[in-house]
């Protein structure tokens, strides 16, 4: 199971891949917003980030690949893990 920090690193890489793949300005702006939010993200604020990812998926379903598993989220909250 990934740590919160590992998940954040993988999410950054996926966002960069999405950005490189899509020329749509809305997708690129969304990637920039998510990258900024991800940089400062803490476990306690994860739910608001996940809502943004869900809305971003309206542009391209590739954003859904950013979502962590339920087990990972549960473990991060139980541990009080921060990234």
PDB file of N, CA and C in Angstrom:
ATOM      1  N   UNK A   1       0.842  -1.177   0.000  1.00  0.00           N
ATOM      2  CA  UNK A   1       0.000   0.000   0.000  1.00  0.00           C
ATOM      3  C   UNK A   1       0.890   1.244   0.000  1.00  0.00           C
ATOM      4  N   UNK A   2       0.490   2.224  -0.787  1.00  0.00           N
ATOM      5  CA  UNK A   2       1.286   3.449  -0.906  1.00  0.00           C
ATOM      6  C   UNK A   2       1.096   4.362   0.305  1.00  0.00           C
ATOM      7  N   UNK A   3       2.134   5.076   0.616  1.00  0.00           N
ATOM      8  CA  UNK A   3       2.005   6.129   1.621  1.00  0.00           C
ATOM      9  C   UNK A   3       1.351   7.338   0.938  1.00  0.00           C
ATOM     10  N   UNK A   4       0.918   8.281   1.746  1.00  0.00           N
ATOM     11  CA  UNK A   4       0.314   9.498   1.208  1.00  0.00           C
ATOM     12  C   UNK A   4       1.312  10.237   0.316  1.00  0.00           C
ATOM     13  N   UNK A   5       2.542  10.299   0.756  1.00  0.00           N
ATOM     14  CA  UNK A   5       3.588  10.969  -0.007  1.00  0.00           C
ATOM     15  C   UNK A   5       3.841  10.272  -1.353  1.00  0.00           C
ATOM     16  N   UNK A   6       3.854   8.952  -1.348  1.00  0.00           N
ATOM     17  CA  UNK A   6       4.036   8.203  -2.596  1.00  0.00           C
ATOM     18  C   UNK A   6       2.878   8.460  -3.545  1.00  0.00           C
ATOM     19  N   UNK A   7       1.656   8.459  -3.015  1.00  0.00           N
ATOM     20  CA  UNK A   7       0.492   8.726  -3.851  1.00  0.00           C
ATOM     21  C   UNK A   7       0.586  10.115  -4.469  1.00  0.00           C
ATOM     22  N   UNK A   8       0.980  11.114  -3.686  1.00  0.00           N
ATOM     23  CA  UNK A   8       1.103  12.468  -4.205  1.00  0.00           C
ATOM     24  C   UNK A   8       2.124  12.527  -5.340  1.00  0.00           C
ATOM     25  N   UNK A   9       3.239  11.836  -5.189  1.00  0.00           N
ATOM     26  CA  UNK A   9       4.263  11.807  -6.233  1.00  0.00           C
ATOM     27  C   UNK A   9       3.708  11.184  -7.515  1.00  0.00           C
ATOM     28  N   UNK A  10       3.006  10.068  -7.374  1.00  0.00           N
ATOM     29  CA  UNK A  10       2.412   9.414  -8.536  1.00  0.00           C
ATOM     30  C   UNK A  10       1.343  10.293  -9.180  1.00  0.00           C
ATOM     31  N   UNK A  11       0.582  11.015  -8.375  1.00  0.00           N
ATOM     32  CA  UNK A  11      -0.452  11.902  -8.899  1.00  0.00           C
ATOM     33  C   UNK A  11       0.171  13.039  -9.711  1.00  0.00           C
ATOM     34  N   UNK A  12       1.289  13.580  -9.246  1.00  0.00           N
ATOM     35  CA  UNK A  12       1.987  14.628  -9.993  1.00  0.00           C
ATOM     36  C   UNK A  12       2.412  14.089 -11.359  1.00  0.00           C
ATOM     37  N   UNK A  13       2.980  12.901 -11.379  1.00  0.00           N
ATOM     38  CA  UNK A  13       3.422  12.310 -12.649  1.00  0.00           C
ATOM     39  C   UNK A  13       2.244  12.089 -13.596  1.00  0.00           C
ATOM     40  N   UNK A  14       1.132  11.607 -13.074  1.00  0.00           N
ATOM     41  CA  UNK A  14      -0.055  11.399 -13.916  1.00  0.00           C
ATOM     42  C   UNK A  14      -0.599  12.722 -14.452  1.00  0.00           C
ATOM     43  N   UNK A  15      -0.601  13.737 -13.614  1.00  0.00           N
ATOM     44  CA  UNK A  15      -1.067  15.047 -14.074  1.00  0.00           C
ATOM     45  C   UNK A  15      -0.177  15.591 -15.189  1.00  0.00           C
ATOM     46  N   UNK A  16       1.115  15.410 -15.063  1.00  0.00           N
ATOM     47  CA  UNK A  16       2.032  15.856 -16.114  1.00  0.00           C
ATOM     48  C   UNK A  16       1.797  15.085 -17.407  1.00  0.00           C
ATOM     49  N   UNK A  17       1.490  13.804 -17.300  1.00  0.00           N
ATOM     50  CA  UNK A  17       1.172  13.003 -18.488  1.00  0.00           C
ATOM     51  C   UNK A  17      -0.110  13.506 -19.155  1.00  0.00           C
ATOM     52  N   UNK A  18      -1.127  13.789 -18.343  1.00  0.00           N
ATOM     53  CA  UNK A  18      -2.388  14.310 -18.881  1.00  0.00           C
ATOM     54  C   UNK A  18      -2.141  15.639 -19.582  1.00  0.00           C
ATOM     55  N   UNK A  19      -1.355  16.493 -18.967  1.00  0.00           N
ATOM     56  CA  UNK A  19      -1.058  17.804 -19.538  1.00  0.00           C
ATOM     57  C   UNK A  19      -0.343  17.676 -20.882  1.00  0.00           C
ATOM     58  N   UNK A  20       0.595  16.748 -20.973  1.00  0.00           N
ATOM     59  CA  UNK A  20       1.346  16.558 -22.212  1.00  0.00           C
ATOM     60  C   UNK A  20       0.475  15.968 -23.321  1.00  0.00           C
ATOM     61  N   UNK A  21      -0.500  15.202 -22.940  1.00  0.00           N
ATOM     62  CA  UNK A  21      -1.347  14.497 -23.898  1.00  0.00           C
ATOM     63  C   UNK A  21      -2.457  15.364 -24.486  1.00  0.00           C
ATOM     64  N   UNK A  22      -2.960  16.318 -23.720  1.00  0.00           N
ATOM     65  CA  UNK A  22      -4.132  17.102 -24.122  1.00  0.00           C
ATOM     66  C   UNK A  22      -3.751  18.532 -24.463  1.00  0.00           C
ATOM     67  N   UNK A  23      -4.281  19.004 -25.572  1.00  0.00           N
ATOM     68  CA  UNK A  23      -4.056  20.388 -26.010  1.00  0.00           C
ATOM     69  C   UNK A  23      -5.190  21.313 -25.576  1.00  0.00           C
ATOM     70  N   UNK A  24      -6.268  20.745 -25.085  1.00  0.00           N
ATOM     71  CA  UNK A  24      -7.432  21.520 -24.648  1.00  0.00           C
ATOM     72  C   UNK A  24      -7.017  22.440 -23.504  1.00  0.00           C
ATOM     73  N   UNK A  25      -7.276  23.724 -23.676  1.00  0.00           N
ATOM     74  CA  UNK A  25      -6.888  24.718 -22.665  1.00  0.00           C
ATOM     75  C   UNK A  25      -7.550  24.446 -21.317  1.00  0.00           C
ATOM     76  N   UNK A  26      -8.798  23.992 -21.321  1.00  0.00           N
ATOM     77  CA  UNK A  26      -9.494  23.706 -20.062  1.00  0.00           C
ATOM     78  C   UNK A  26      -8.817  22.572 -19.309  1.00  0.00           C
ATOM     79  N   UNK A  27      -8.388  21.557 -20.037  1.00  0.00           N
ATOM     80  CA  UNK A  27      -7.681  20.434 -19.397  1.00  0.00           C
ATOM     81  C   UNK A  27      -6.366  20.929 -18.814  1.00  0.00           C
ATOM     82  N   UNK A  28      -5.624  21.722 -19.566  1.00  0.00           N
ATOM     83  CA  UNK A  28      -4.342  22.219 -19.083  1.00  0.00           C
ATOM     84  C   UNK A  28      -4.497  23.142 -17.875  1.00  0.00           C
ATOM     85  N   UNK A  29      -5.523  23.974 -17.891  1.00  0.00           N
ATOM     86  CA  UNK A  29      -5.781  24.838 -16.726  1.00  0.00           C
ATOM     87  C   UNK A  29      -6.157  24.001 -15.506  1.00  0.00           C
ATOM     88  N   UNK A  30      -6.946  22.967 -15.723  1.00  0.00           N
ATOM     89  CA  UNK A  30      -7.344  22.084 -14.625  1.00  0.00           C
ATOM     90  C   UNK A  30      -6.141  21.356 -14.059  1.00  0.00           C
ATOM     91  N   UNK A  31      -5.251  20.900 -14.923  1.00  0.00           N
ATOM     92  CA  UNK A  31      -4.019  20.252 -14.462  1.00  0.00           C
ATOM     93  C   UNK A  31      -3.224  21.218 -13.593  1.00  0.00           C
ATOM     94  N   UNK A  32      -3.099  22.470 -14.029  1.00  0.00           N
ATOM     95  CA  UNK A  32      -2.340  23.454 -13.248  1.00  0.00           C
ATOM     96  C   UNK A  32      -2.955  23.692 -11.878  1.00  0.00           C
ATOM     97  N   UNK A  33      -4.283  23.774 -11.816  1.00  0.00           N
ATOM     98  CA  UNK A  33      -4.963  23.960 -10.531  1.00  0.00           C
ATOM     99  C   UNK A  33      -4.710  22.751  -9.627  1.00  0.00           C
ATOM    100  N   UNK A  34      -4.869  21.550 -10.177  1.00  0.00           N
ATOM    101  CA  UNK A  34      -4.683  20.337  -9.371  1.00  0.00           C
ATOM    102  C   UNK A  34      -3.238  20.185  -8.907  1.00  0.00           C
ATOM    103  N   UNK A  35      -2.282  20.538  -9.755  1.00  0.00           N
ATOM    104  CA  UNK A  35      -0.870  20.474  -9.342  1.00  0.00           C
ATOM    105  C   UNK A  35      -0.600  21.415  -8.172  1.00  0.00           C
ATOM    106  N   UNK A  36      -1.159  22.602  -8.241  1.00  0.00           N
ATOM    107  CA  UNK A  36      -0.972  23.574  -7.154  1.00  0.00           C
ATOM    108  C   UNK A  36      -1.609  23.069  -5.867  1.00  0.00           C
ATOM    109  N   UNK A  37      -2.844  22.591  -5.967  1.00  0.00           N
ATOM    110  CA  UNK A  37      -3.532  22.061  -4.778  1.00  0.00           C
ATOM    111  C   UNK A  37      -2.781  20.861  -4.203  1.00  0.00           C
ATOM    112  N   UNK A  38      -2.294  20.006  -5.086  1.00  0.00           N
ATOM    113  CA  UNK A  38      -1.589  18.795  -4.661  1.00  0.00           C
ATOM    114  C   UNK A  38      -0.301  19.133  -3.916  1.00  0.00           C
ATOM    115  N   UNK A  39       0.364  20.179  -4.347  1.00  0.00           N
ATOM    116  CA  UNK A  39       1.623  20.572  -3.709  1.00  0.00           C
ATOM    117  C   UNK A  39       1.432  20.861  -2.215  1.00  0.00           C
ATOM    118  N   UNK A  40       0.330  21.496  -1.877  1.00  0.00           N
ATOM    119  CA  UNK A  40       0.064  21.883  -0.482  1.00  0.00           C
ATOM    120  C   UNK A  40      -0.872  20.926   0.252  1.00  0.00           C
ATOM    121  N   UNK A  41      -1.281  19.866  -0.409  1.00  0.00           N
ATOM    122  CA  UNK A  41      -2.315  18.981   0.130  1.00  0.00           C
ATOM    123  C   UNK A  41      -1.868  18.226   1.381  1.00  0.00           C
ATOM    124  N   UNK A  42      -2.757  18.191   2.353  1.00  0.00           N
ATOM    125  CA  UNK A  42      -2.597  17.392   3.567  1.00  0.00           C
ATOM    126  C   UNK A  42      -3.753  16.408   3.623  1.00  0.00           C
ATOM    127  N   UNK A  43      -3.577  15.346   4.370  1.00  0.00           N
ATOM    128  CA  UNK A  43      -4.618  14.315   4.458  1.00  0.00           C
ATOM    129  C   UNK A  43      -5.941  14.920   4.899  1.00  0.00           C
ATOM    130  N   UNK A  44      -5.910  15.820   5.852  1.00  0.00           N
ATOM    131  CA  UNK A  44      -7.160  16.397   6.380  1.00  0.00           C
ATOM    132  C   UNK A  44      -7.949  17.145   5.305  1.00  0.00           C
ATOM    133  N   UNK A  45      -7.275  17.564   4.216  1.00  0.00           N
ATOM    134  CA  UNK A  45      -7.928  18.307   3.135  1.00  0.00           C
ATOM    135  C   UNK A  45      -8.191  17.437   1.904  1.00  0.00           C
ATOM    136  N   UNK A  46      -7.971  16.153   2.028  1.00  0.00           N
ATOM    137  CA  UNK A  46      -8.065  15.254   0.885  1.00  0.00           C
ATOM    138  C   UNK A  46      -9.449  15.238   0.246  1.00  0.00           C
ATOM    139  N   UNK A  47     -10.487  15.289   1.043  1.00  0.00           N
ATOM    140  CA  UNK A  47     -11.843  15.192   0.479  1.00  0.00           C
ATOM    141  C   UNK A  47     -12.126  16.322  -0.508  1.00  0.00           C
ATOM    142  N   UNK A  48     -11.711  17.536  -0.218  1.00  0.00           N
ATOM    143  CA  UNK A  48     -11.960  18.642  -1.150  1.00  0.00           C
ATOM    144  C   UNK A  48     -11.154  18.465  -2.437  1.00  0.00           C
ATOM    145  N   UNK A  49      -9.949  17.911  -2.342  1.00  0.00           N
ATOM    146  CA  UNK A  49      -9.156  17.639  -3.543  1.00  0.00           C
ATOM    147  C   UNK A  49      -9.834  16.569  -4.402  1.00  0.00           C
ATOM    148  N   UNK A  50     -10.360  15.543  -3.765  1.00  0.00           N
ATOM    149  CA  UNK A  50     -11.018  14.462  -4.505  1.00  0.00           C
ATOM    150  C   UNK A  50     -12.273  14.957  -5.216  1.00  0.00           C
ATOM    151  N   UNK A  51     -12.961  15.910  -4.631  1.00  0.00           N
ATOM    152  CA  UNK A  51     -14.119  16.505  -5.299  1.00  0.00           C
ATOM    153  C   UNK A  51     -13.665  17.234  -6.567  1.00  0.00           C
ATOM    154  N   UNK A  52     -12.561  17.948  -6.490  1.00  0.00           N
ATOM    155  CA  UNK A  52     -12.027  18.628  -7.680  1.00  0.00           C
ATOM    156  C   UNK A  52     -11.654  17.625  -8.771  1.00  0.00           C
ATOM    157  N   UNK A  53     -11.065  16.518  -8.376  1.00  0.00           N
ATOM    158  CA  UNK A  53     -10.697  15.477  -9.344  1.00  0.00           C
ATOM    159  C   UNK A  53     -11.952  14.918 -10.004  1.00  0.00           C
ATOM    160  N   UNK A  54     -12.970  14.686  -9.210  1.00  0.00           N
ATOM    161  CA  UNK A  54     -14.235  14.175  -9.740  1.00  0.00           C
ATOM    162  C   UNK A  54     -14.802  15.129 -10.792  1.00  0.00           C
ATOM    163  N   UNK A  55     -14.790  16.427 -10.514  1.00  0.00           N
ATOM    164  CA  UNK A  55     -15.289  17.408 -11.480  1.00  0.00           C
ATOM    165  C   UNK A  55     -14.376  17.499 -12.698  1.00  0.00           C
ATOM    166  N   UNK A  56     -13.087  17.365 -12.493  1.00  0.00           N
ATOM    167  CA  UNK A  56     -12.140  17.394 -13.618  1.00  0.00           C
ATOM    168  C   UNK A  56     -12.387  16.231 -14.572  1.00  0.00           C
ATOM    169  N   UNK A  57     -12.884  15.137 -14.061  1.00  0.00           N
ATOM    170  CA  UNK A  57     -13.155  13.964 -14.897  1.00  0.00           C
ATOM    171  C   UNK A  57     -14.234  14.237 -15.935  1.00  0.00           C
ATOM    172  N   UNK A  58     -14.983  15.325 -15.774  1.00  0.00           N
ATOM    173  CA  UNK A  58     -15.936  15.718 -16.810  1.00  0.00           C
ATOM    174  C   UNK A  58     -15.217  16.159 -18.080  1.00  0.00           C
ATOM    175  N   UNK A  59     -13.982  16.609 -17.948  1.00  0.00           N
ATOM    176  CA  UNK A  59     -13.178  17.003 -19.110  1.00  0.00           C
ATOM    177  C   UNK A  59     -12.531  15.793 -19.770  1.00  0.00           C
ATOM    178  N   UNK A  60     -11.957  14.926 -18.960  1.00  0.00           N
ATOM    179  CA  UNK A  60     -11.380  13.672 -19.443  1.00  0.00           C
ATOM    180  C   UNK A  60     -11.356  12.676 -18.286  1.00  0.00           C
ATOM    181  N   UNK A  61     -11.760  11.465 -18.565  1.00  0.00           N
ATOM    182  CA  UNK A  61     -11.820  10.439 -17.525  1.00  0.00           C
ATOM    183  C   UNK A  61     -10.438  10.053 -16.998  1.00  0.00           C
ATOM    184  N   UNK A  62      -9.403  10.503 -17.672  1.00  0.00           N
ATOM    185  CA  UNK A  62      -8.044  10.203 -17.209  1.00  0.00           C
ATOM    186  C   UNK A  62      -7.780  10.754 -15.810  1.00  0.00           C
ATOM    187  N   UNK A  63      -8.495  11.799 -15.442  1.00  0.00           N
ATOM    188  CA  UNK A  63      -8.330  12.358 -14.099  1.00  0.00           C
ATOM    189  C   UNK A  63      -8.734  11.349 -13.018  1.00  0.00           C
ATOM    190  N   UNK A  64      -9.612  10.437 -13.345  1.00  0.00           N
ATOM    191  CA  UNK A  64     -10.050   9.433 -12.363  1.00  0.00           C
ATOM    192  C   UNK A  64      -8.910   8.518 -11.926  1.00  0.00           C
ATOM    193  N   UNK A  65      -7.872   8.419 -12.739  1.00  0.00           N
ATOM    194  CA  UNK A  65      -6.718   7.589 -12.371  1.00  0.00           C
ATOM    195  C   UNK A  65      -5.913   8.188 -11.220  1.00  0.00           C
ATOM    196  N   UNK A  66      -6.242   9.407 -10.848  1.00  0.00           N
ATOM    197  CA  UNK A  66      -5.573  10.047  -9.708  1.00  0.00           C
ATOM    198  C   UNK A  66      -6.117   9.554  -8.369  1.00  0.00           C
ATOM    199  N   UNK A  67      -7.314   9.007  -8.384  1.00  0.00           N
ATOM    200  CA  UNK A  67      -7.977   8.650  -7.131  1.00  0.00           C
ATOM    201  C   UNK A  67      -7.267   7.520  -6.395  1.00  0.00           C
ATOM    202  N   UNK A  68      -7.018   7.712  -5.096  1.00  0.00           N
ATOM    203  CA  UNK A  68      -6.460   6.623  -4.285  1.00  0.00           C
ATOM    204  C   UNK A  68      -7.556   5.617  -3.947  1.00  0.00           C
ATOM    205  N   UNK A  69      -7.158   4.461  -3.491  1.00  0.00           N
ATOM    206  CA  UNK A  69      -8.143   3.446  -3.100  1.00  0.00           C
ATOM    207  C   UNK A  69      -8.770   3.826  -1.752  1.00  0.00           C
ATOM    208  N   UNK A  70      -9.928   3.243  -1.477  1.00  0.00           N
ATOM    209  CA  UNK A  70     -10.588   3.481  -0.188  1.00  0.00           C
ATOM    210  C   UNK A  70      -9.707   3.026   0.958  1.00  0.00           C
ATOM    211  N   UNK A  71      -9.018   1.906   0.770  1.00  0.00           N
ATOM    212  CA  UNK A  71      -8.150   1.376   1.825  1.00  0.00           C
ATOM    213  C   UNK A  71      -7.002   2.334   2.127  1.00  0.00           C
ATOM    214  N   UNK A  72      -6.431   2.935   1.062  1.00  0.00           N
ATOM    215  CA  UNK A  72      -5.341   3.882   1.278  1.00  0.00           C
ATOM    216  C   UNK A  72      -5.837   5.086   2.069  1.00  0.00           C
ATOM    217  N   UNK A  73      -6.965   5.631   1.677  1.00  0.00           N
ATOM    218  CA  UNK A  73      -7.511   6.808   2.363  1.00  0.00           C
ATOM    219  C   UNK A  73      -7.784   6.487   3.828  1.00  0.00           C
ATOM    220  N   UNK A  74      -8.406   5.360   4.071  1.00  0.00           N
ATOM    221  CA  UNK A  74      -8.705   4.955   5.451  1.00  0.00           C
ATOM    222  C   UNK A  74      -7.417   4.858   6.276  1.00  0.00           C
ATOM    223  N   UNK A  75      -6.403   4.234   5.707  1.00  0.00           N
ATOM    224  CA  UNK A  75      -5.139   4.065   6.434  1.00  0.00           C
ATOM    225  C   UNK A  75      -4.463   5.415   6.693  1.00  0.00           C
ATOM    226  N   UNK A  76      -4.481   6.311   5.728  1.00  0.00           N
ATOM    227  CA  UNK A  76      -3.869   7.626   5.916  1.00  0.00           C
ATOM    228  C   UNK A  76      -4.545   8.385   7.046  1.00  0.00           C
ATOM    229  N   UNK A  77      -5.867   8.318   7.105  1.00  0.00           N
ATOM    230  CA  UNK A  77      -6.602   9.017   8.166  1.00  0.00           C
ATOM    231  C   UNK A  77      -6.356   8.362   9.529  1.00  0.00           C
ATOM    232  N   UNK A  78      -6.307   7.048   9.551  1.00  0.00           N
ATOM    233  CA  UNK A  78      -6.081   6.343  10.825  1.00  0.00           C
ATOM    234  C   UNK A  78      -4.685   6.644  11.370  1.00  0.00           C
ATOM    235  N   UNK A  79      -3.718   6.719  10.495  1.00  0.00           N
ATOM    236  CA  UNK A  79      -2.340   6.999  10.909  1.00  0.00           C
ATOM    237  C   UNK A  79      -2.097   8.485  11.178  1.00  0.00           C
ATOM    238  N   UNK A  80      -3.005   9.316  10.653  1.00  0.00           N
ATOM    239  CA  UNK A  80      -2.766  10.749  10.755  1.00  0.00           C
ATOM    240  C   UNK A  80      -1.607  11.153   9.869  1.00  0.00           C
ATOM    241  N   UNK A  81      -1.434  10.420   8.776  1.00  0.00           N
ATOM    242  CA  UNK A  81      -0.301  10.616   7.882  1.00  0.00           C
ATOM    243  C   UNK A  81      -0.423  11.949   7.156  1.00  0.00           C
ATOM    244  N   UNK A  82       0.684  12.624   7.016  1.00  0.00           N
ATOM    245  CA  UNK A  82       0.754  13.878   6.267  1.00  0.00           C
ATOM    246  C   UNK A  82       1.839  13.733   5.217  1.00  0.00           C
ATOM    247  N   UNK A  83       1.696  14.485   4.150  1.00  0.00           N
ATOM    248  CA  UNK A  83       2.637  14.357   3.038  1.00  0.00           C
ATOM    249  C   UNK A  83       3.354  15.610   2.767  1.00  0.00           C
TER     250      UNK A  83
END
